[in-house]
Protein backbone atom coordinates (compact mmCIF):
# COMPACT_ATOMS: atom_id res chain seq x y z
CA MET A 1 -114.68 109.46 183.70
CA ASN A 2 -116.80 106.37 183.34
CA THR A 3 -118.70 107.96 180.51
CA LYS A 4 -115.51 108.46 178.56
CA LYS A 5 -114.61 104.75 178.95
CA GLU A 6 -118.03 103.65 177.68
CA ASN A 7 -117.72 105.80 174.57
CA ASN A 8 -114.29 104.37 173.83
CA SER A 9 -115.66 100.83 174.16
CA LYS A 10 -118.49 101.49 171.63
CA GLU A 11 -116.05 102.96 169.15
CA LYS A 12 -113.85 99.87 169.40
CA LYS A 13 -116.82 97.49 168.84
CA LYS A 14 -118.05 99.44 165.81
CA PHE A 15 -114.64 99.37 164.29
CA ARG A 16 -114.38 95.53 164.63
CA LEU A 17 -117.77 94.69 162.88
CA SER A 18 -117.08 96.82 159.83
CA GLY A 19 -113.64 95.41 159.54
CA LEU A 20 -114.83 91.86 159.09
CA LEU A 21 -116.01 92.73 155.53
CA TYR A 22 -112.42 93.35 154.62
CA HIS A 23 -110.97 90.40 156.46
CA ASN A 24 -109.60 87.72 154.02
CA SER A 25 -110.51 84.75 156.16
CA PHE A 26 -114.08 85.91 156.53
CA VAL A 27 -114.52 86.49 152.79
CA LEU A 28 -113.02 83.08 151.96
CA ALA A 29 -115.34 81.34 154.35
CA CYS A 30 -118.38 83.08 152.87
CA SER A 31 -117.34 82.22 149.29
CA PHE A 32 -116.91 78.58 150.19
CA ALA A 33 -120.33 78.48 151.78
CA VAL A 34 -122.01 80.07 148.75
CA ALA A 35 -120.26 77.68 146.33
CA LEU A 36 -121.27 74.69 148.41
CA VAL A 37 -124.93 75.74 148.43
CA SER A 38 -124.88 76.44 144.67
CA TRP A 39 -123.43 73.01 143.96
CA PHE A 40 -126.17 71.34 145.96
CA VAL A 41 -128.83 73.34 144.07
CA ILE A 42 -127.41 72.50 140.63
CA ALA A 43 -126.86 68.88 141.54
CA ALA A 44 -130.41 68.61 142.80
CA GLY A 45 -131.72 70.23 139.56
CA SER A 46 -129.68 68.00 137.23
CA ASP A 47 -131.11 64.80 138.79
CA MET A 48 -128.63 62.60 136.81
CA ASN A 49 -129.99 59.34 138.19
CA ARG A 50 -133.65 59.76 137.14
CA THR A 51 -135.18 58.42 133.85
CA TYR A 52 -137.32 60.25 131.29
CA VAL A 53 -140.12 58.89 128.98
CA ILE A 54 -140.69 60.07 125.39
CA ARG A 55 -144.27 59.22 124.53
CA ASP A 56 -146.17 58.46 121.29
CA VAL A 57 -143.22 57.66 119.07
CA PRO A 58 -144.61 56.43 115.64
CA VAL A 59 -143.98 52.82 114.60
CA ASN A 60 -142.92 52.06 111.03
CA VAL A 61 -143.62 48.66 109.47
CA SER A 62 -140.99 47.26 107.11
CA LEU A 63 -141.69 44.43 104.67
CA SER A 64 -139.19 41.77 103.79
CA SER A 65 -138.34 41.30 100.12
CA GLN A 66 -140.34 38.07 100.09
CA ALA A 67 -143.36 39.81 101.61
CA GLU A 68 -143.20 42.50 98.97
CA ALA A 69 -142.83 39.92 96.21
CA ASP A 70 -145.91 38.11 97.49
CA GLY A 71 -147.93 41.33 97.45
CA LEU A 72 -148.45 41.37 101.20
CA ARG A 73 -149.65 44.41 103.04
CA VAL A 74 -150.26 45.21 106.70
CA PHE A 75 -153.86 46.29 107.22
CA ASN A 76 -153.85 46.72 110.99
CA GLN A 77 -151.44 46.82 113.91
CA SER A 78 -152.23 46.61 117.61
CA TYR A 79 -150.21 49.80 118.35
CA ASN A 80 -149.26 52.66 116.10
CA THR A 81 -146.98 54.36 118.66
CA VAL A 82 -144.76 53.32 121.56
CA ASP A 83 -143.32 54.99 124.67
CA ILE A 84 -139.50 55.01 125.03
CA GLU A 85 -137.81 55.29 128.46
CA VAL A 86 -134.29 56.82 128.50
CA SER A 87 -131.76 57.72 131.17
CA GLY A 88 -128.92 60.22 131.18
CA SER A 89 -128.28 63.88 131.67
CA SER A 90 -131.55 65.73 131.98
CA LEU A 91 -130.08 68.46 129.83
CA ILE A 92 -130.05 65.86 127.05
CA THR A 93 -133.02 63.57 127.82
CA ARG A 94 -135.50 66.37 128.36
CA ALA A 95 -134.64 67.76 124.94
CA LEU A 96 -135.39 64.46 123.17
CA THR A 97 -138.51 64.15 120.94
CA ALA A 98 -140.10 61.42 118.83
CA ASP A 99 -138.06 62.59 115.84
CA ASP A 100 -134.90 61.47 117.61
CA PHE A 101 -135.88 57.79 117.34
CA GLU A 102 -136.67 55.26 114.63
CA VAL A 103 -139.08 52.56 115.75
CA THR A 104 -139.69 49.62 113.42
CA VAL A 105 -141.36 46.23 113.30
CA ALA A 106 -140.67 43.78 110.48
CA LEU A 107 -143.18 41.70 108.51
CA ASN A 108 -141.35 38.64 107.28
CA PRO A 109 -143.88 35.82 106.84
CA THR A 110 -144.22 33.31 104.02
CA SER A 111 -147.23 33.43 101.73
CA THR A 112 -147.94 29.77 102.42
CA LYS A 113 -149.46 30.86 105.73
CA LEU A 114 -152.30 32.65 103.95
CA THR A 115 -155.61 30.77 103.93
CA GLY A 116 -157.62 33.18 101.76
CA ASN A 117 -160.46 33.19 104.30
CA THR A 118 -159.23 35.80 106.76
CA THR A 119 -156.30 38.07 107.48
CA GLN A 120 -153.29 36.52 109.21
CA LYS A 121 -151.70 37.73 112.47
CA LEU A 122 -148.03 38.02 113.35
CA ASN A 123 -146.40 39.16 116.61
CA ALA A 124 -143.38 41.32 115.74
CA SER A 125 -140.71 42.67 118.12
CA VAL A 126 -140.26 46.43 118.34
CA ARG A 127 -136.85 47.76 117.42
CA VAL A 128 -135.65 51.22 118.52
CA ALA A 129 -132.69 53.10 117.09
CA LYS A 130 -131.30 56.56 117.84
CA GLN A 131 -131.68 59.15 115.13
CA ASN A 132 -129.34 61.84 116.63
CA SER A 133 -125.68 62.35 117.50
CA TYR A 134 -126.18 62.36 121.26
CA SER A 135 -124.42 59.50 123.00
CA ASP A 136 -124.57 60.36 126.70
CA TYR A 137 -127.99 58.78 127.30
CA GLU A 138 -129.28 55.21 127.21
CA ILE A 139 -132.52 53.61 126.01
CA VAL A 140 -133.84 51.82 129.06
CA SER A 141 -137.04 50.25 127.67
CA VAL A 142 -139.81 50.48 125.06
CA SER A 143 -143.50 49.89 125.71
CA PRO A 144 -144.99 47.81 124.26
CA GLU A 145 -142.13 45.53 123.30
CA GLU A 146 -144.20 43.56 120.77
CA ILE A 147 -146.89 44.55 118.26
CA THR A 148 -149.45 42.31 116.55
CA LEU A 149 -149.69 42.80 112.77
CA GLU A 150 -152.66 41.74 110.63
CA TYR A 151 -151.65 41.14 107.03
CA ASP A 152 -152.85 39.68 103.75
CA ARG A 153 -152.31 40.03 100.04
CA PHE A 154 -153.67 43.27 98.62
CA LYS A 155 -156.46 42.96 96.07
CA GLU A 156 -158.94 45.22 94.33
CA THR A 157 -161.94 44.42 92.18
CA THR A 158 -164.24 46.53 90.02
CA LEU A 159 -167.99 45.82 89.96
CA ASN A 160 -170.88 47.17 87.95
CA ILE A 161 -173.31 49.04 90.17
CA GLU A 162 -176.70 47.34 89.94
CA THR A 163 -180.07 48.83 90.82
CA ASP A 164 -182.90 47.30 92.79
CA ILE A 165 -185.31 50.22 92.92
CA SER A 166 -189.02 49.94 93.45
CA PHE A 167 -191.12 52.82 92.13
CA THR A 168 -194.30 53.56 90.20
CA ALA A 169 -195.37 56.35 87.87
CA GLY A 170 -198.49 58.42 88.36
CA THR A 171 -201.48 57.98 86.07
CA GLY A 172 -200.67 59.30 82.61
CA PHE A 173 -196.92 59.30 83.24
CA TYR A 174 -194.02 57.03 82.39
CA ALA A 175 -190.97 56.56 84.61
CA GLY A 176 -187.90 55.52 82.66
CA THR A 177 -184.82 53.52 83.56
CA PRO A 178 -182.87 55.01 86.50
CA ALA A 179 -179.55 56.60 85.50
CA LEU A 180 -176.56 56.51 87.87
CA SER A 181 -173.88 59.18 88.21
CA GLU A 182 -171.33 56.34 88.52
CA GLU A 183 -171.69 52.97 86.83
CA LYS A 184 -168.79 51.13 88.49
CA ILE A 185 -167.24 50.83 91.93
CA THR A 186 -163.74 49.64 92.91
CA VAL A 187 -163.38 47.76 96.21
CA SER A 188 -159.89 47.18 97.66
CA GLY A 189 -158.36 45.67 100.76
CA PRO A 190 -157.25 42.25 102.03
CA GLU A 191 -157.67 39.52 99.46
CA SER A 192 -159.67 37.41 101.90
CA ALA A 193 -162.14 40.27 102.42
CA VAL A 194 -162.36 41.39 98.78
CA ASN A 195 -163.15 37.81 97.76
CA LYS A 196 -166.33 38.00 99.81
CA VAL A 197 -167.70 40.92 97.78
CA SER A 198 -169.93 39.69 94.96
CA ARG A 199 -172.28 42.54 94.05
CA ALA A 200 -172.70 46.30 94.44
CA ILE A 201 -176.32 47.42 94.52
CA VAL A 202 -178.31 50.60 94.97
CA THR A 203 -181.53 49.42 96.56
CA TYR A 204 -184.47 51.45 97.82
CA SER A 205 -188.22 51.87 97.45
CA LEU A 206 -190.31 54.97 96.70
CA ASP A 207 -193.83 54.96 98.07
CA ASN A 208 -195.37 57.91 96.20
CA PRO A 209 -196.10 57.65 92.45
CA LEU A 210 -193.74 59.82 90.38
CA ARG A 211 -195.04 62.67 88.24
CA GLU A 212 -191.74 64.43 87.60
CA ASP A 213 -188.04 63.61 87.43
CA ASP A 214 -186.70 62.22 90.70
CA SER A 215 -183.02 62.70 91.56
CA ARG A 216 -181.37 61.92 94.88
CA SER A 217 -178.22 60.40 96.39
CA TRP A 218 -178.24 56.79 97.60
CA LEU A 219 -175.69 54.59 99.34
CA VAL A 220 -174.09 51.78 97.32
CA LYS A 221 -174.39 48.57 99.33
CA LEU A 222 -172.06 45.58 98.99
CA PHE A 223 -173.31 41.99 99.10
CA ASP A 224 -171.61 38.59 99.36
CA GLN A 225 -172.21 35.41 97.33
CA ASP A 226 -175.15 34.52 99.57
CA ASN A 227 -176.76 37.90 98.84
CA GLN A 228 -176.11 39.03 102.41
CA GLU A 229 -175.14 42.67 102.90
CA ILE A 230 -171.55 43.33 103.96
CA SER A 231 -171.90 46.18 106.42
CA ASP A 232 -168.73 45.79 108.52
CA LEU A 233 -166.36 47.27 105.94
CA ALA A 234 -164.08 48.83 108.56
CA GLU A 235 -163.72 45.56 110.43
CA LEU A 236 -162.75 43.83 107.18
CA TYR A 237 -160.37 46.70 106.30
CA LEU A 238 -162.21 47.25 103.02
CA SER A 239 -162.23 50.57 101.21
CA ARG A 240 -164.06 51.71 98.07
CA ASP A 241 -163.81 54.63 95.69
CA VAL A 242 -167.57 55.26 95.59
CA ASP A 243 -169.75 55.52 98.67
CA SER A 244 -172.96 56.81 97.11
CA VAL A 245 -174.30 57.69 93.68
CA GLN A 246 -176.82 60.16 92.33
CA VAL A 247 -179.81 58.26 90.96
CA THR A 248 -182.05 60.05 88.46
CA ILE A 249 -185.38 58.57 87.35
CA PRO A 250 -186.74 60.36 84.25
CA VAL A 251 -190.50 60.86 84.28
CA ARG A 252 -192.47 61.88 81.15
CA PRO A 253 -196.13 62.13 80.17
CA LYS A 254 -197.38 59.25 78.00
CA LYS A 255 -200.04 58.94 75.30
CA THR A 256 -201.61 56.17 73.19
CA VAL A 257 -201.87 56.91 69.45
CA PRO A 258 -203.24 54.71 66.61
CA LEU A 259 -201.20 53.30 63.73
CA ILE A 260 -202.55 54.26 60.30
CA VAL A 261 -201.92 52.42 57.01
CA SER A 262 -201.60 54.30 53.71
CA THR A 263 -203.15 52.64 50.64
CA ALA A 264 -203.29 53.27 46.90
CA HIS A 265 -205.78 52.16 44.22
CA VAL A 266 -208.12 50.79 46.85
CA PRO A 267 -211.78 50.74 45.72
CA ALA A 268 -214.25 52.83 47.64
CA ASP A 269 -216.34 49.87 48.74
CA PHE A 270 -213.43 47.85 50.12
CA SER A 271 -214.20 47.51 53.84
CA SER A 272 -211.60 49.05 56.15
CA ALA A 273 -212.29 46.14 58.50
CA ARG A 274 -210.50 43.91 56.01
CA ILE A 275 -207.26 45.80 56.73
CA THR A 276 -205.90 45.05 60.19
CA VAL A 277 -202.82 46.39 61.98
CA GLU A 278 -201.10 44.62 64.86
CA PRO A 279 -200.59 46.40 67.17
CA GLU A 280 -203.42 48.82 66.49
CA SER A 281 -201.73 51.55 68.51
CA VAL A 282 -198.53 52.37 70.38
CA GLU A 283 -197.88 54.15 73.64
CA LEU A 284 -195.48 57.06 73.45
CA ALA A 285 -193.61 59.01 76.10
CA GLY A 286 -192.38 62.54 75.60
CA SER A 287 -192.84 66.11 76.69
CA ALA A 288 -196.39 67.38 77.07
CA GLU A 289 -195.80 69.81 74.20
CA THR A 290 -194.54 67.08 71.85
CA LEU A 291 -197.33 64.63 72.64
CA GLY A 292 -199.96 67.34 72.22
CA SER A 293 -199.15 67.64 68.51
CA ILE A 294 -199.34 63.88 67.81
CA THR A 295 -202.72 62.31 66.99
CA GLU A 296 -201.61 59.28 64.96
CA ILE A 297 -198.59 57.53 63.49
CA ARG A 298 -198.78 56.77 59.77
CA LEU A 299 -196.75 53.79 58.66
CA ASN A 300 -194.18 54.62 55.98
CA ASN A 301 -195.04 51.84 53.51
CA VAL A 302 -197.99 52.17 51.13
CA ILE A 303 -200.14 49.16 50.30
CA ASP A 304 -200.81 49.38 46.57
CA PHE A 305 -203.90 47.31 45.69
CA ALA A 306 -202.68 47.18 42.10
CA GLU A 307 -199.82 44.97 43.29
CA LEU A 308 -201.78 42.55 45.51
CA ASP A 309 -201.58 38.83 44.81
CA LEU A 310 -205.16 37.63 44.47
CA ASP A 311 -204.00 34.00 44.46
CA GLN A 312 -203.67 34.33 48.25
CA ARG A 313 -206.58 34.78 50.63
CA THR A 314 -204.60 37.20 52.76
CA ALA A 315 -201.76 39.57 51.99
CA SER A 316 -199.36 40.32 54.88
CA PHE A 317 -196.84 43.12 55.25
CA THR A 318 -194.30 43.92 57.96
CA MET A 319 -193.63 47.63 58.41
CA GLU A 320 -191.32 49.64 60.67
CA ILE A 321 -193.08 51.92 63.15
CA PRO A 322 -191.67 55.45 62.70
CA LEU A 323 -191.26 57.38 65.93
CA PRO A 324 -191.96 61.12 66.03
CA PRO A 325 -188.88 63.11 67.13
CA GLY A 326 -188.61 63.59 70.87
CA THR A 327 -190.68 60.50 71.76
CA GLN A 328 -190.04 57.04 73.13
CA ASN A 329 -191.94 53.91 72.17
CA LEU A 330 -193.28 52.25 75.32
CA THR A 331 -195.11 49.39 73.59
CA SER A 332 -193.42 46.10 74.36
CA SER A 333 -193.87 42.39 73.90
CA GLY A 334 -192.21 40.60 76.75
CA ALA A 335 -188.81 42.22 77.24
CA ASN A 336 -188.65 43.65 73.71
CA THR A 337 -189.96 46.93 72.39
CA VAL A 338 -192.45 46.54 69.54
CA SER A 339 -190.77 48.35 66.64
CA GLN A 340 -192.67 46.77 63.74
CA ALA A 341 -196.32 46.45 62.79
CA LYS A 342 -197.91 43.58 60.87
CA VAL A 343 -200.52 44.69 58.33
CA THR A 344 -202.93 42.09 56.94
CA VAL A 345 -205.33 42.54 53.99
CA ASN A 346 -208.17 40.01 53.96
CA LEU A 347 -208.85 39.01 50.31
CA ASN A 348 -211.16 36.11 51.07
CA GLY A 349 -214.05 36.13 48.54
CA TYR A 350 -212.11 38.23 46.02
CA ARG A 351 -210.84 36.92 42.69
CA LYS A 352 -209.29 38.23 39.47
CA THR A 353 -210.14 38.08 35.78
CA THR A 354 -208.53 39.27 32.54
CA VAL A 355 -210.44 41.25 29.89
CA SER A 356 -209.55 42.74 26.50
CA VAL A 357 -210.18 46.46 26.24
CA PRO A 358 -211.37 47.41 22.73
CA GLU A 359 -209.81 50.28 20.77
CA SER A 360 -213.00 52.25 21.17
CA ASN A 361 -212.36 52.45 24.91
CA VAL A 362 -208.82 53.78 24.46
CA GLN A 363 -208.39 57.55 24.53
CA MET A 364 -205.22 59.47 23.59
CA LEU A 365 -204.57 62.68 25.49
CA ASN A 366 -202.19 65.56 24.72
CA ALA A 367 -201.15 64.13 21.34
CA PRO A 368 -198.49 66.10 19.44
CA THR A 369 -199.65 68.75 16.96
CA GLY A 370 -198.03 70.42 13.98
CA ASP A 371 -195.62 68.45 11.86
CA LEU A 372 -196.10 65.21 13.80
CA GLU A 373 -199.11 63.06 14.39
CA ALA A 374 -199.47 60.08 16.75
CA MET A 375 -201.34 56.85 16.31
CA LEU A 376 -201.72 53.69 18.39
CA THR A 377 -199.65 50.79 17.18
CA THR A 378 -201.44 48.37 19.52
CA ARG A 379 -205.21 48.45 19.08
CA THR A 380 -206.38 46.56 22.14
CA LEU A 381 -205.11 46.03 25.68
CA GLU A 382 -205.34 42.99 27.95
CA VAL A 383 -205.87 44.03 31.58
CA THR A 384 -206.38 42.10 34.83
CA LEU A 385 -209.16 43.12 37.19
CA ALA A 386 -209.86 42.19 40.80
CA GLY A 387 -212.94 42.40 42.97
CA PRO A 388 -215.68 40.45 44.71
CA GLU A 389 -216.28 37.24 42.83
CA ALA A 390 -219.89 37.98 41.99
CA GLN A 391 -219.03 41.35 40.49
CA VAL A 392 -215.75 40.62 38.80
CA ASN A 393 -217.39 37.77 36.85
CA ARG A 394 -219.65 40.32 35.14
CA LEU A 395 -216.83 42.59 33.98
CA THR A 396 -215.90 42.78 30.28
CA GLY A 397 -213.55 44.88 28.21
CA ASP A 398 -216.32 47.37 27.66
CA SER A 399 -216.29 48.06 31.43
CA VAL A 400 -212.75 49.40 31.25
CA MET A 401 -211.46 52.78 30.03
CA VAL A 402 -207.84 53.40 29.00
CA GLN A 403 -206.17 56.82 28.71
CA VAL A 404 -202.85 57.32 26.91
CA ASP A 405 -201.34 60.61 28.09
CA MET A 406 -198.63 61.96 25.74
CA SER A 407 -197.82 65.07 27.77
CA ASN A 408 -194.52 63.68 29.07
CA VAL A 409 -193.42 62.07 25.77
CA GLU A 410 -190.87 63.79 23.54
CA ALA A 411 -192.36 64.62 20.16
CA ARG A 412 -190.18 62.95 17.50
CA SER A 413 -190.64 60.36 14.83
CA GLY A 414 -190.62 56.76 15.94
CA SER A 415 -192.39 54.39 18.29
CA VAL A 416 -192.61 54.67 22.04
CA ASP A 417 -194.26 52.71 24.89
CA VAL A 418 -196.43 55.11 26.84
CA PRO A 419 -197.73 54.33 30.38
CA VAL A 420 -201.53 54.31 30.42
CA THR A 421 -204.21 54.87 33.05
CA VAL A 422 -206.75 52.08 33.34
CA SER A 423 -210.04 52.56 35.16
CA ILE A 424 -213.27 50.65 35.63
CA SER A 425 -216.35 52.58 34.59
CA GLY A 426 -219.70 52.64 36.35
CA THR A 427 -220.57 51.37 39.81
CA ALA A 428 -218.30 48.37 39.34
CA GLY A 429 -215.35 50.71 39.93
CA ASP A 430 -216.45 51.17 43.55
CA ALA A 431 -215.88 47.49 44.35
CA CYS A 432 -213.32 46.34 41.76
CA TRP A 433 -209.85 47.55 40.83
CA VAL A 434 -207.14 47.10 38.24
CA LEU A 435 -204.15 44.84 38.94
CA GLY A 436 -200.73 45.70 37.51
CA SER A 437 -199.48 48.58 35.36
CA TYR A 438 -199.71 48.88 31.58
CA THR A 439 -198.25 50.60 28.53
CA MET A 440 -199.35 50.96 24.90
CA THR A 441 -197.16 51.53 21.87
CA VAL A 442 -197.62 54.82 20.07
CA THR A 443 -196.04 55.69 16.69
CA MET A 444 -195.32 59.28 15.78
CA ARG A 445 -194.76 60.26 12.15
CA ALA A 446 -194.84 63.28 9.86
CA ALA A 447 -198.28 64.65 9.42
CA GLY A 448 -199.94 63.48 6.17
CA ASN A 449 -197.65 60.44 5.79
CA THR A 450 -199.86 57.43 5.19
CA THR A 451 -197.14 54.87 5.83
CA PRO A 452 -195.51 54.25 9.19
CA SER A 453 -192.14 55.93 9.67
CA PRO A 454 -189.15 53.56 9.40
CA GLY A 455 -187.44 55.48 12.22
CA PRO A 456 -186.13 53.79 15.39
CA SER A 457 -188.44 52.69 18.18
CA LEU A 458 -188.41 55.03 21.21
CA ASP A 459 -188.49 54.20 24.90
CA ALA A 460 -190.53 56.28 27.32
CA GLY A 461 -187.28 57.52 28.89
CA ASP A 462 -185.74 58.72 25.59
């Protein structure tokens, strides 16, 4: 009996627990509890009262119209970015980035503040503006609130790159002028800093003598008016378009060769010591192959003894020094290259005399044959001779031979002046020579005609 009551009691309890799941009051209470917990979780996650910081927002510098007109430029600023603190819904603030803000500082000085000796400084307030359509957040603060600007007029200058290079060439070699890959450099930056730059120089020293071309890269250094190197370019906000240049020093073999004078109509006994050349030789640079084929340089002008003025004790000539192709003349006088030679002929102790050459000493060569015959119109010839005084005084007309060569004269009736060759016979011809050039008149006429032809006179060029 008792057992039956216990079983009925368990069935009643089981029935009541399962029924709660379908009881409206119980379900409503559970729903309210869940909603309340969810609200607390969401509210805690939204954190509406906390601020958020957007870091490293770039700062833009704006110039006033007057600053632009004065050519001002900002060369440095104490901060390039700022941090912006905002407050609002975290769903909004946490989505913000640097692109959502515009941060500016304004440069609005007057040019009268510039001293020209250094850049000027200006403390400018930072301004922040929203760059998006969100409105349900506020800008709380910006850090830093002020930025220091360094400014000046912009200037650039262009300088020739100089060289201060110490080097030597090995024995038997010549090192030429260094060639630079760039000849000019442009320096730009604040006017006050650019004004300090006076020179741009490539300077270095090579210890070993050069025997071949040397090419390497060297830094271009800047110097001020006091010839002090300007090494703190970054601190002065200076920039340049050339940092270093390639320097090439050409090196060639060199050789000394004599200068030779060409002469004409010089007597055999005239001493070569009486003819001097200044300089006697020149130093050439060129390839080994080119220099190997050069043993002398012959001056272009010819000294014709037949044209010397014996009224002077010395005869002087200035002649250009011809350079063989592929060579360079290294001979210099001071800062100038010696390009001319002075040739002097010593005529001290020499004199001249005039003699009359008799007809018997005149010989006609290659006279026309056939219908024409030639005869001398002039019978004698006055010639001037030069030589050592003791010997020239003994010369007479009998010492001189004259040849009239008709080979280049057209054979036709008339008279013509024919160039003649004059020579001194015997040993006197080894020391003396003939001055000037001469012609003799020859008449051609029909063979057998005993009277001269009345035809026109002929020139040698007819």
